[in-house]
Amino acid sequence: MSIDPARDDAPLPFILPGPITDRETVEGWRRWRRTRHAFVPAPRLITADYRRLSPRKRHLHDLHRAATHANLPLQDTPMSLAVTRIMRSRLQTNALKHKPTTRAGLMITGGGYQGKTETACEIAAAFEDAWLDLHHQLNPNALPGTRDLHAPVAYVQTPVTAKPKSTCEAILDFFGADHHKMTLPQLTRAVRNSLHDHGVRALLLDDITRLKMHRADDQDTLDLLRAFMSMHTTVVLIGVDIPGSGLLREGRHDPRTGQWVFPPPAGDGPATQTERRFDLVHLEPFRYDTPQRIAAWVAHLAGLEHHLRLLKAAPGMLTGGAMPEYLFRRTAGVVGLLERLVEDGCTEALDTGVERLTENLLDTIAINLGNDPTRDSAAGEIPAVPTTQRPRSAPRKRRGRNTVFDDHGTVDRVASGGAA
């Protein structure tokens, strides 16, 4: 029986989380990076072993299983692997440049709950691990006699009511730098100095489409983006529908090629310069329209199923029969919606003692995204949730009534109005 042999009264600290990690500060990002893979899932138990546990150990094991389902690991998908290849290459190439040229940036776009933030943060954290190891945890560009805090990666979430000034202030808040009563030019200079002094190689700006071109004569937003591009740091912009946001020239996604198409530039203006210095990668949901895409979806479900800890979860619980098609219909292939549905379904399966996921059980789970204060629905960060209703089959054509034996009367009776 694979279970902790500790006494029934021994504390088990693996269940409850510690302080919530705030990745938007340099110390919080560092703590998250170091502990992001530290969670240990609950051990696998068969029903017989589970029933032999003492009441306390059984309760703690249930709590550990609930924590496991609430902390499902980030899984690679074909789409996220494409983002990983591009972003990893861009970070490494720019970090090794010696020339004082502007570093090309990267934009990661897609719908809400597609995993853009977690994918980008995981890539950046892996890059920082390697960069710190390469330089023995020290800043290679620190001035002699100084010990500036070395932060190869800075992660900043654009404020919900974002303006260029508040975005600069959020970046300075990451380092704990003072920005009291600064003008926008002063703020951008302070940001540039902070990035240089801390040896930042990658600046991640999340939810960038909260920045709006809200006035025809307001160029502060483009000025800010151009300032970011000149800081010799790889700027990674993350947001929903970046091409259509107005930050760059209006664009459309061509489903035939999978690329974003922009109209011809009307000159060499600031927006065009900004667009040319960023590569755009689209993190799309799963599709269910070809055998290859269906196989990728099923493989993702198999990986998800491996991490679940339900006692009656038979092999193929998420991948057998009509379950893959059902889960796709409920989530439209959006990985965040799938995780929410499975997480809530596992909670229901534990609470009711069903101990497995079925279509009937998942039919009782409504995916509600309206209670997330960290997301801006007006910016497209909350996707539309597919309906829980099953698709109706085409109505059958009603068969006509047999009229062979109907009495239509004789010609004489009809003509005489029915008189004898």
Protein backbone atom coordinates (compact mmCIF):
# COMPACT_ATOMS: atom_id res chain seq x y z
CA MET A 1 0.00 0.00 0.00
CA SER A 2 1.65 3.23 -1.17
CA ILE A 3 0.74 5.61 1.64
CA ASP A 4 2.66 7.65 4.17
CA PRO A 5 3.34 5.34 7.14
CA ALA A 6 3.30 8.25 9.61
CA ARG A 7 1.20 8.03 12.76
CA ASP A 8 -2.43 9.07 12.59
CA ASP A 9 -1.68 12.17 14.66
CA ALA A 10 1.32 13.26 12.57
CA PRO A 11 0.89 16.55 10.64
CA LEU A 12 0.88 16.38 6.86
CA PRO A 13 1.90 19.79 5.51
CA PHE A 14 1.73 18.87 1.81
CA ILE A 15 -1.94 19.71 1.43
CA LEU A 16 -2.49 23.36 2.26
CA PRO A 17 -0.66 26.00 0.19
CA GLY A 18 1.60 28.61 1.70
CA PRO A 19 1.38 32.34 0.93
CA ILE A 20 -0.09 33.01 -2.50
CA THR A 21 2.76 33.70 -4.91
CA ASP A 22 2.65 37.10 -6.60
CA ARG A 23 4.63 36.83 -9.81
CA GLU A 24 4.36 40.59 -10.35
CA THR A 25 7.20 41.33 -7.94
CA VAL A 26 10.80 40.28 -8.34
CA GLU A 27 10.76 38.26 -5.13
CA GLY A 28 7.39 36.68 -5.93
CA TRP A 29 8.55 35.70 -9.43
CA ARG A 30 11.71 34.18 -7.95
CA ARG A 31 9.71 32.18 -5.39
CA TRP A 32 7.31 30.93 -8.07
CA ARG A 33 10.15 29.97 -10.41
CA ARG A 34 11.90 27.94 -7.73
CA THR A 35 8.76 26.14 -6.51
CA ARG A 36 6.68 25.83 -9.68
CA HIS A 37 7.25 22.06 -9.89
CA ALA A 38 7.40 21.37 -6.15
CA PHE A 39 3.85 20.10 -5.61
CA VAL A 40 3.69 16.36 -4.94
CA PRO A 41 0.42 14.74 -6.08
CA ALA A 42 -1.48 12.25 -3.97
CA PRO A 43 -0.34 8.62 -4.20
CA ARG A 44 -2.43 6.21 -6.24
CA LEU A 45 -4.52 3.83 -4.12
CA ILE A 46 -6.82 0.99 -5.07
CA THR A 47 -10.18 0.87 -3.31
CA ALA A 48 -9.18 -1.96 -0.98
CA ASP A 49 -6.12 -0.08 0.29
CA TYR A 50 -8.15 3.11 0.67
CA ARG A 51 -10.73 1.35 2.85
CA ARG A 52 -8.02 -0.02 5.13
CA LEU A 53 -6.89 3.50 6.06
CA SER A 54 -7.89 4.95 9.41
CA PRO A 55 -10.65 7.60 9.26
CA ARG A 56 -8.14 10.41 9.70
CA LYS A 57 -5.77 9.12 7.03
CA ARG A 58 -8.69 8.57 4.69
CA HIS A 59 -9.81 12.17 5.21
CA LEU A 60 -6.28 13.47 4.62
CA HIS A 61 -5.92 11.34 1.50
CA ASP A 62 -9.19 12.78 0.17
CA LEU A 63 -7.90 16.28 0.87
CA HIS A 64 -4.62 15.45 -0.88
CA ARG A 65 -6.54 14.14 -3.88
CA ALA A 66 -8.60 17.35 -4.00
CA ALA A 67 -5.36 19.36 -3.91
CA THR A 68 -3.99 17.22 -6.73
CA HIS A 69 -7.00 17.98 -8.92
CA ALA A 70 -6.73 21.69 -8.06
CA ASN A 71 -3.07 21.77 -9.12
CA LEU A 72 -3.06 19.87 -12.40
CA PRO A 73 0.28 20.41 -14.18
CA LEU A 74 0.62 22.39 -17.37
CA GLN A 75 0.59 19.99 -20.31
CA ASP A 76 2.29 20.54 -23.61
CA THR A 77 0.06 20.74 -26.66
CA PRO A 78 1.04 20.91 -30.34
CA MET A 79 0.15 24.60 -30.24
CA SER A 80 2.10 25.40 -27.07
CA LEU A 81 5.14 23.48 -28.35
CA ALA A 82 5.18 25.74 -31.41
CA VAL A 83 5.15 28.79 -29.11
CA THR A 84 7.91 27.22 -27.00
CA ARG A 85 10.20 26.71 -30.00
CA ILE A 86 9.82 30.29 -31.20
CA MET A 87 10.03 31.99 -27.80
CA ARG A 88 12.94 29.88 -26.53
CA SER A 89 14.92 30.62 -29.69
CA ARG A 90 14.12 34.33 -29.54
CA LEU A 91 15.13 34.69 -25.87
CA GLN A 92 18.39 32.83 -26.36
CA THR A 93 19.38 34.59 -29.57
CA ASN A 94 18.68 38.07 -28.21
CA ALA A 95 20.41 37.33 -24.90
CA LEU A 96 23.61 36.38 -26.75
CA LYS A 97 23.70 39.49 -28.94
CA HIS A 98 26.61 41.89 -28.40
CA LYS A 99 25.53 44.45 -30.99
CA PRO A 100 23.72 47.57 -29.69
CA THR A 101 20.77 46.96 -31.98
CA THR A 102 17.09 46.77 -31.14
CA ARG A 103 16.09 43.26 -30.09
CA ALA A 104 13.22 41.77 -32.05
CA GLY A 105 10.19 41.13 -29.86
CA LEU A 106 7.49 38.50 -29.76
CA MET A 107 3.73 38.71 -29.51
CA ILE A 108 1.65 35.79 -28.23
CA THR A 109 -2.01 36.15 -29.05
CA GLY A 110 -5.10 33.98 -28.78
CA GLY A 111 -8.43 33.72 -27.01
CA GLY A 112 -9.03 33.78 -23.29
CA TYR A 113 -8.20 30.68 -21.18
CA GLN A 114 -5.90 29.32 -23.91
CA GLY A 115 -2.90 29.03 -21.58
CA LYS A 116 -0.95 31.94 -23.07
CA THR A 117 0.26 33.29 -19.72
CA GLU A 118 1.28 29.97 -18.19
CA THR A 119 3.01 28.83 -21.37
CA ALA A 120 5.02 32.05 -21.65
CA CYS A 121 5.90 32.10 -17.94
CA GLU A 122 7.10 28.48 -18.02
CA ILE A 123 9.33 29.18 -21.04
CA ALA A 124 10.71 32.33 -19.40
CA ALA A 125 11.33 30.52 -16.10
CA ALA A 126 13.24 27.73 -17.86
CA PHE A 127 15.31 30.36 -19.69
CA GLU A 128 16.08 32.13 -16.40
CA ASP A 129 17.11 28.85 -14.76
CA ALA A 130 19.61 28.23 -17.55
CA TRP A 131 20.84 31.84 -17.66
CA LEU A 132 21.48 32.00 -13.91
CA ASP A 133 23.27 28.67 -13.99
CA LEU A 134 25.44 29.90 -16.87
CA HIS A 135 26.51 32.97 -14.89
CA HIS A 136 26.68 31.31 -11.46
CA GLN A 137 23.63 33.28 -10.25
CA LEU A 138 25.43 36.62 -10.79
CA ASN A 139 24.72 39.58 -13.03
CA PRO A 140 27.47 39.55 -15.69
CA ASN A 141 26.90 43.27 -16.41
CA ALA A 142 26.98 44.54 -12.82
CA LEU A 143 29.29 47.45 -12.15
CA PRO A 144 32.43 46.65 -10.12
CA GLY A 145 31.81 47.08 -6.42
CA THR A 146 28.00 46.88 -6.71
CA ARG A 147 25.56 44.07 -6.07
CA ASP A 148 22.45 44.95 -8.02
CA LEU A 149 19.64 42.43 -7.75
CA HIS A 150 19.88 40.14 -10.76
CA ALA A 151 16.49 39.51 -12.42
CA PRO A 152 16.87 38.03 -15.93
CA VAL A 153 13.06 37.92 -16.36
CA ALA A 154 10.46 40.50 -15.39
CA TYR A 155 6.78 39.57 -15.54
CA VAL A 156 4.22 42.39 -15.45
CA GLN A 157 0.48 42.24 -15.85
CA THR A 158 -0.98 45.30 -17.54
CA PRO A 159 -3.44 47.03 -15.18
CA VAL A 160 -7.13 46.49 -15.93
CA THR A 161 -7.65 50.23 -16.50
CA ALA A 162 -4.41 50.53 -18.39
CA LYS A 163 -2.69 53.65 -19.62
CA PRO A 164 0.95 54.05 -20.64
CA LYS A 165 1.82 55.70 -17.32
CA SER A 166 0.16 53.00 -15.20
CA THR A 167 1.89 50.31 -17.27
CA CYS A 168 5.31 51.89 -16.60
CA GLU A 169 4.42 52.15 -12.92
CA ALA A 170 3.55 48.43 -12.87
CA ILE A 171 6.98 47.60 -14.30
CA LEU A 172 8.70 49.74 -11.68
CA ASP A 173 6.56 48.10 -8.98
CA PHE A 174 8.01 44.74 -10.04
CA PHE A 175 11.43 45.96 -8.89
CA GLY A 176 10.09 47.96 -5.94
CA ALA A 177 11.33 51.20 -7.54
CA ASP A 178 9.90 54.59 -6.64
CA HIS A 179 7.81 56.39 -9.28
CA HIS A 180 6.05 59.07 -7.29
CA LYS A 181 4.78 62.01 -9.41
CA MET A 182 6.78 61.12 -12.52
CA THR A 183 5.82 62.18 -16.03
CA LEU A 184 5.62 59.59 -18.82
CA PRO A 185 9.11 60.44 -20.19
CA GLN A 186 10.52 60.18 -16.68
CA LEU A 187 8.74 56.86 -16.16
CA THR A 188 10.09 55.37 -19.39
CA ARG A 189 13.63 56.43 -18.46
CA ALA A 190 13.18 54.89 -15.00
CA VAL A 191 11.95 51.66 -16.61
CA ARG A 192 14.95 51.59 -18.95
CA ASN A 193 17.34 52.11 -16.04
CA SER A 194 15.67 49.39 -13.94
CA LEU A 195 15.84 46.86 -16.75
CA HIS A 196 19.52 47.61 -17.34
CA ASP A 197 20.55 47.68 -13.69
CA HIS A 198 18.88 44.37 -12.91
CA GLY A 199 20.23 42.57 -15.99
CA VAL A 200 16.76 41.88 -17.43
CA ARG A 201 16.89 39.80 -20.59
CA ALA A 202 13.15 39.26 -21.05
CA LEU A 203 10.24 41.56 -20.22
CA LEU A 204 6.84 39.85 -20.29
CA LEU A 205 3.89 42.23 -20.56
CA ASP A 206 0.68 40.28 -20.02
CA ASP A 207 -2.82 41.39 -21.10
CA ILE A 208 -1.21 44.06 -23.28
CA THR A 209 -4.46 44.67 -25.19
CA ARG A 210 -5.83 46.48 -22.14
CA LEU A 211 -3.82 49.40 -23.49
CA LYS A 212 -6.08 51.30 -25.88
CA MET A 213 -5.56 53.86 -28.61
CA HIS A 214 -8.45 55.79 -27.12
CA ARG A 215 -7.86 59.19 -28.74
CA ALA A 216 -7.02 59.98 -32.34
CA ASP A 217 -4.14 62.26 -31.30
CA ASP A 218 -2.91 60.02 -28.46
CA GLN A 219 0.39 58.44 -29.45
CA ASP A 220 1.48 57.67 -25.89
CA THR A 221 0.82 53.96 -26.36
CA LEU A 222 2.96 53.64 -29.49
CA ASP A 223 5.63 55.81 -27.88
CA LEU A 224 5.67 53.40 -24.96
CA LEU A 225 6.01 50.33 -27.20
CA ARG A 226 8.85 51.97 -29.14
CA ALA A 227 10.58 52.77 -25.85
CA PHE A 228 10.30 49.11 -24.81
CA MET A 229 11.85 47.99 -28.09
CA SER A 230 14.96 50.14 -27.56
CA MET A 231 15.85 48.72 -24.15
CA HIS A 232 18.02 45.85 -25.44
CA THR A 233 15.62 43.44 -23.76
CA THR A 234 13.40 40.88 -25.45
CA VAL A 235 9.87 42.24 -25.08
CA VAL A 236 7.15 39.57 -25.07
CA LEU A 237 3.62 40.95 -25.43
CA ILE A 238 0.78 38.64 -24.40
CA GLY A 239 -2.85 39.44 -25.11
CA VAL A 240 -6.19 38.58 -26.65
CA ASP A 241 -6.48 39.45 -30.35
CA ILE A 242 -3.42 41.69 -30.54
CA PRO A 243 -3.73 42.27 -34.32
CA GLY A 244 -7.30 43.54 -33.95
CA SER A 245 -6.68 45.56 -30.80
CA GLY A 246 -5.55 48.77 -32.47
CA LEU A 247 -2.10 48.66 -30.87
CA LEU A 248 -0.73 47.64 -34.25
CA ARG A 249 -2.28 47.91 -37.67
CA GLU A 250 -5.60 46.15 -38.03
CA GLY A 251 -5.15 42.54 -39.14
CA ARG A 252 -7.16 39.41 -39.82
CA HIS A 253 -6.38 35.72 -39.32
CA ASP A 254 -6.32 33.63 -42.50
CA PRO A 255 -7.59 30.14 -41.55
CA ARG A 256 -6.14 28.64 -44.74
CA THR A 257 -2.54 29.55 -43.93
CA GLY A 258 -2.79 29.99 -40.15
CA GLN A 259 -1.06 33.39 -40.50
CA TRP A 260 -2.13 36.94 -39.65
CA VAL A 261 -2.63 39.11 -42.74
CA PHE A 262 -2.12 42.87 -42.53
CA PRO A 263 -3.20 45.41 -45.13
CA PRO A 264 -0.41 47.21 -47.02
CA PRO A 265 1.17 49.91 -44.84
CA ALA A 266 0.38 53.48 -45.76
CA GLY A 267 3.94 54.67 -45.26
CA ASP A 268 6.53 54.02 -42.58
CA GLY A 269 4.67 55.31 -39.55
CA PRO A 270 5.13 54.36 -35.89
CA ALA A 271 2.57 51.55 -36.02
CA THR A 272 4.31 49.97 -39.00
CA GLN A 273 7.70 50.17 -37.28
CA THR A 274 6.25 48.53 -34.18
CA GLU A 275 4.68 45.71 -36.17
CA ARG A 276 7.87 44.95 -38.12
CA ARG A 277 9.89 44.43 -34.95
CA PHE A 278 7.62 41.78 -33.44
CA ASP A 279 6.94 38.24 -34.56
CA LEU A 280 3.35 37.16 -33.96
CA VAL A 281 2.47 33.63 -32.82
CA HIS A 282 -1.10 32.49 -32.29
CA LEU A 283 -1.93 30.04 -29.49
CA GLU A 284 -5.04 28.35 -30.83
CA PRO A 285 -7.47 25.90 -29.21
CA PHE A 286 -7.65 22.25 -30.21
CA ARG A 287 -9.60 21.37 -33.34
CA TYR A 288 -11.76 18.32 -33.97
CA ASP A 289 -12.05 18.25 -37.75
CA THR A 290 -9.25 15.93 -38.97
CA PRO A 291 -7.95 12.55 -37.77
CA GLN A 292 -4.64 14.13 -36.77
CA ARG A 293 -6.29 16.88 -34.71
CA ILE A 294 -8.67 14.43 -33.08
CA ALA A 295 -5.71 12.21 -32.16
CA ALA A 296 -3.93 15.21 -30.61
CA TRP A 297 -7.04 16.01 -28.54
CA VAL A 298 -7.33 12.42 -27.34
CA ALA A 299 -3.62 12.35 -26.45
CA HIS A 300 -4.12 15.51 -24.39
CA LEU A 301 -7.06 13.90 -22.58
CA ALA A 302 -4.95 10.82 -21.88
CA GLY A 303 -2.27 12.99 -20.30
CA LEU A 304 -4.89 14.74 -18.21
CA GLU A 305 -6.44 11.44 -17.14
CA HIS A 306 -3.04 10.24 -15.91
CA HIS A 307 -2.97 12.96 -13.25
CA LEU A 308 -6.43 12.26 -11.80
CA ARG A 309 -6.81 10.37 -8.52
CA LEU A 310 -10.33 8.91 -8.61
CA LEU A 311 -10.70 5.43 -7.12
CA LYS A 312 -13.01 4.09 -9.84
CA ALA A 313 -11.29 5.78 -12.78
CA ALA A 314 -10.92 2.95 -15.28
CA PRO A 315 -8.43 3.33 -18.16
CA GLY A 316 -10.01 5.32 -20.97
CA MET A 317 -12.28 7.30 -18.65
CA LEU A 318 -11.63 10.47 -20.68
CA THR A 319 -10.54 8.89 -23.96
CA GLY A 320 -12.96 6.03 -24.54
CA GLY A 321 -16.28 5.93 -26.36
CA ALA A 322 -17.95 9.27 -27.00
CA MET A 323 -16.18 11.05 -24.12
CA PRO A 324 -13.58 12.89 -26.30
CA GLU A 325 -16.32 14.31 -28.50
CA TYR A 326 -18.41 15.21 -25.45
CA LEU A 327 -15.52 17.03 -23.75
CA PHE A 328 -14.73 18.90 -26.95
CA ARG A 329 -18.35 20.00 -27.29
CA ARG A 330 -18.37 21.22 -23.69
CA THR A 331 -15.09 23.16 -24.00
CA ALA A 332 -14.61 23.96 -27.72
CA GLY A 333 -11.05 22.65 -27.35
CA VAL A 334 -10.02 25.46 -24.97
CA VAL A 335 -7.54 23.99 -22.49
CA GLY A 336 -8.54 26.35 -19.67
CA LEU A 337 -12.22 25.42 -19.97
CA LEU A 338 -11.30 21.72 -20.07
CA GLU A 339 -9.24 22.07 -16.88
CA ARG A 340 -12.10 23.89 -15.13
CA LEU A 341 -14.64 21.26 -16.16
CA VAL A 342 -12.45 18.33 -15.10
CA GLU A 343 -11.43 19.99 -11.83
CA ASP A 344 -15.05 20.72 -10.85
CA GLY A 345 -16.10 17.27 -12.05
CA CYS A 346 -13.50 15.59 -9.83
CA THR A 347 -14.74 17.61 -6.85
CA GLU A 348 -18.28 16.40 -7.52
CA ALA A 349 -17.08 12.82 -7.99
CA LEU A 350 -15.32 12.92 -4.61
CA ASP A 351 -18.21 14.57 -2.78
CA THR A 352 -20.82 12.15 -4.11
CA GLY A 353 -18.69 9.01 -3.88
CA VAL A 354 -19.07 8.32 -7.62
CA GLU A 355 -15.25 8.37 -7.92
CA ARG A 356 -15.21 8.62 -11.70
CA LEU A 357 -16.11 11.11 -14.44
CA THR A 358 -19.07 10.34 -16.64
CA GLU A 359 -21.14 12.35 -19.08
CA ASN A 360 -24.09 12.31 -16.69
CA LEU A 361 -21.97 13.70 -13.87
CA LEU A 362 -20.33 16.35 -16.05
CA ASP A 363 -23.76 17.40 -17.33
CA THR A 364 -24.42 18.71 -13.81
CA ILE A 365 -21.31 20.93 -13.92
CA ALA A 366 -21.76 24.46 -15.25
CA ILE A 367 -18.59 26.29 -16.25
CA ASN A 368 -18.93 29.76 -14.74
CA LEU A 369 -16.20 32.26 -15.60
CA GLY A 370 -17.95 35.41 -14.46
CA ASN A 371 -16.39 35.45 -11.01
CA ASP A 372 -12.74 35.99 -11.97
CA PRO A 373 -11.70 39.51 -10.89
CA THR A 374 -8.30 39.21 -12.57
CA ARG A 375 -9.75 39.09 -16.08
CA ASP A 376 -11.28 41.88 -18.13
CA SER A 377 -14.29 40.65 -20.06
CA ALA A 378 -14.36 43.83 -22.14
CA ALA A 379 -10.88 42.96 -23.47
CA GLY A 380 -11.97 39.48 -24.58
CA GLU A 381 -10.15 37.71 -21.73
CA ILE A 382 -13.21 35.63 -20.81
CA PRO A 383 -14.30 33.34 -23.67
CA ALA A 384 -17.82 32.29 -24.47
CA VAL A 385 -18.64 29.02 -22.73
CA PRO A 386 -20.34 26.37 -24.90
CA THR A 387 -23.83 25.32 -23.87
CA THR A 388 -24.33 22.18 -21.79
CA GLN A 389 -27.30 21.08 -23.86
CA ARG A 390 -26.79 18.04 -26.03
CA PRO A 391 -27.14 18.61 -29.77
CA ARG A 392 -30.56 17.69 -31.03
CA SER A 393 -30.89 15.31 -33.92
CA ALA A 394 -32.79 16.46 -36.99
CA PRO A 395 -36.54 16.18 -36.39
CA ARG A 396 -38.13 13.21 -38.10
CA LYS A 397 -40.68 14.00 -40.78
CA ARG A 398 -44.13 13.14 -39.48
CA ARG A 399 -45.73 10.28 -41.33
CA GLY A 400 -49.06 11.10 -42.95
CA ARG A 401 -52.28 9.42 -41.75
CA ASN A 402 -53.69 6.54 -43.81
CA THR A 403 -56.96 7.80 -45.38
CA VAL A 404 -57.88 4.69 -47.39
CA PHE A 405 -60.86 3.80 -45.22
CA ASP A 406 -62.23 7.36 -44.73
CA ASP A 407 -65.87 7.89 -45.73
CA HIS A 408 -66.03 10.76 -48.18
CA GLY A 409 -69.80 10.27 -49.02
CA THR A 410 -71.45 9.58 -52.39
CA VAL A 411 -71.82 12.07 -55.21
CA ASP A 412 -75.65 12.20 -54.80
CA ARG A 413 -75.40 12.85 -51.03
CA VAL A 414 -72.86 15.63 -51.56
CA ALA A 415 -74.97 17.24 -54.27
CA SER A 416 -78.22 17.13 -52.26
CA GLY A 417 -76.59 18.44 -49.12
CA GLY A 418 -76.89 15.01 -47.44
CA ALA A 419 -80.77 14.70 -47.66
CA ALA A 420 -82.29 11.22 -47.85
